[in-house]
Protein backbone atom coordinates (compact mmCIF):
# COMPACT_ATOMS: atom_id res chain seq x y z
CA MET A 1 79.34 -144.27 -45.52
CA SER A 2 82.28 -143.64 -43.16
CA THR A 3 82.64 -141.06 -40.43
CA PRO A 4 84.34 -137.75 -41.27
CA GLY A 5 87.35 -138.81 -39.17
CA ARG A 6 87.74 -142.08 -41.06
CA LEU A 7 87.31 -140.26 -44.36
CA LEU A 8 90.11 -137.83 -43.43
CA ASP A 9 92.33 -140.78 -42.40
CA LEU A 10 91.65 -142.49 -45.74
CA LEU A 11 92.46 -139.32 -47.68
CA GLN A 12 95.67 -138.86 -45.72
CA ALA A 13 96.68 -142.46 -46.46
CA LEU A 14 96.11 -141.77 -50.18
CA GLY A 15 98.35 -138.69 -49.99
CA VAL A 16 95.43 -136.28 -50.36
CA THR A 17 95.45 -133.07 -48.34
CA VAL A 18 92.30 -131.28 -47.26
CA ALA A 19 92.49 -127.59 -46.36
CA ILE A 20 90.05 -124.75 -45.85
CA GLU A 21 90.00 -121.83 -48.27
CA GLY A 22 87.29 -119.36 -47.34
CA ASP A 23 84.04 -121.33 -47.29
CA LYS A 24 85.40 -124.15 -49.48
CA LEU A 25 87.51 -127.24 -48.99
CA ARG A 26 90.68 -127.43 -51.08
CA ILE A 27 91.46 -131.05 -52.03
CA THR A 28 94.94 -131.75 -53.41
CA PRO A 29 95.20 -133.77 -55.62
CA ALA A 30 91.49 -134.12 -56.29
CA SER A 31 92.19 -136.64 -59.06
CA LYS A 32 92.74 -139.38 -56.43
CA LEU A 33 89.14 -139.13 -55.19
CA THR A 34 86.40 -141.51 -56.25
CA PRO A 35 82.87 -140.20 -56.92
CA ASP A 36 81.79 -141.78 -53.59
CA MET A 37 84.53 -139.91 -51.72
CA LEU A 38 83.51 -136.64 -53.34
CA GLU A 39 79.91 -137.21 -52.30
CA GLU A 40 80.98 -137.99 -48.70
CA LEU A 41 83.04 -134.80 -48.62
CA LYS A 42 80.04 -132.78 -49.81
CA VAL A 43 77.69 -134.38 -47.27
CA ASN A 44 80.17 -134.01 -44.38
CA LYS A 45 81.67 -130.65 -45.39
CA PRO A 46 80.46 -128.69 -42.31
CA ILE A 47 81.75 -131.34 -39.90
CA ILE A 48 85.06 -131.70 -41.73
CA MET A 49 85.54 -127.91 -41.69
CA GLN A 50 84.87 -127.85 -37.92
CA VAL A 51 87.40 -130.64 -37.38
CA LEU A 52 90.03 -128.88 -39.47
CA VAL A 53 89.52 -125.53 -37.71
CA ALA A 54 89.39 -126.86 -34.16
CA SER A 55 91.93 -129.66 -34.47
CA CYS A 56 95.46 -130.00 -33.15
CA HIS A 57 97.87 -128.58 -35.74
CA CYS A 58 100.91 -128.74 -33.50
CA ASP A 59 104.13 -130.21 -34.91
CA PRO A 60 103.52 -133.99 -34.94
CA LEU A 61 107.13 -134.91 -35.67
CA PRO A 62 109.20 -136.41 -32.87
CA ARG A 63 112.24 -134.56 -31.65
CA TRP A 64 115.53 -136.33 -30.95
CA ASN A 65 115.06 -135.84 -27.20
CA GLU A 66 111.32 -136.68 -27.22
CA PRO A 67 110.72 -140.00 -29.03
CA GLY A 68 106.95 -139.50 -29.00
CA GLY A 69 107.18 -135.85 -29.98
CA ALA A 70 105.44 -133.32 -27.75
CA ALA A 71 102.72 -135.85 -27.00
CA GLY A 72 101.79 -138.15 -24.16
CA CYS A 73 101.44 -141.80 -25.15
CA ASN A 74 101.23 -143.48 -21.73
CA PRO A 75 97.64 -144.66 -21.10
CA LEU A 76 98.27 -144.49 -17.34
CA LYS A 77 99.06 -140.75 -17.53
CA HIS A 78 97.08 -139.50 -20.51
CA THR A 79 93.47 -139.84 -21.61
CA ARG A 80 92.34 -141.99 -24.51
CA CYS A 81 90.83 -140.08 -27.46
CA PRO A 82 87.05 -140.49 -27.49
CA VAL A 83 87.02 -140.44 -31.32
CA CYS A 84 89.83 -142.77 -32.45
CA GLY A 85 90.71 -144.54 -29.18
CA TYR A 86 94.43 -143.77 -29.38
CA VAL A 87 96.48 -142.36 -26.54
CA TRP A 88 98.55 -139.70 -28.30
CA GLN A 89 97.61 -136.50 -26.51
CA CYS A 90 99.32 -133.26 -27.55
CA LYS A 91 101.16 -131.69 -24.62
CA VAL A 92 100.72 -128.23 -26.15
CA CYS A 93 96.98 -128.05 -26.89
CA GLY A 94 95.63 -131.30 -25.37
CA GLY A 95 94.22 -132.54 -28.70
CA CYS A 96 94.69 -135.97 -30.26
CA ARG A 97 97.76 -136.15 -32.50
CA ARG A 98 96.36 -139.08 -34.52
CA CYS A 99 92.90 -137.90 -35.55
CA ARG A 100 93.36 -134.21 -34.67
CA THR A 101 90.32 -134.09 -32.34
CA PRO A 102 90.58 -130.98 -30.17
CA GLY A 103 91.38 -131.45 -26.48
């Protein structure tokens, strides 16, 4: 069984989006999920919903004048994410741009 963060990364790599609708998770397209993935989503639903609500949803796309987007990537200036280990800290909310962990 993987962590909720790794599960969300895997789903994103498969082109699957996960969103909150009321007290349910909306999975699009659900046809790409295996029975094991569905079970992991059910088991981790509360954690996944917390991550989606509290995570960085700032624009992740780089701008022409900011190659890294509105994010700090220098490990000497910005903190490493405790969840994924990347240094891609949002300059707007302080969250991690890679795994969306709140700052």
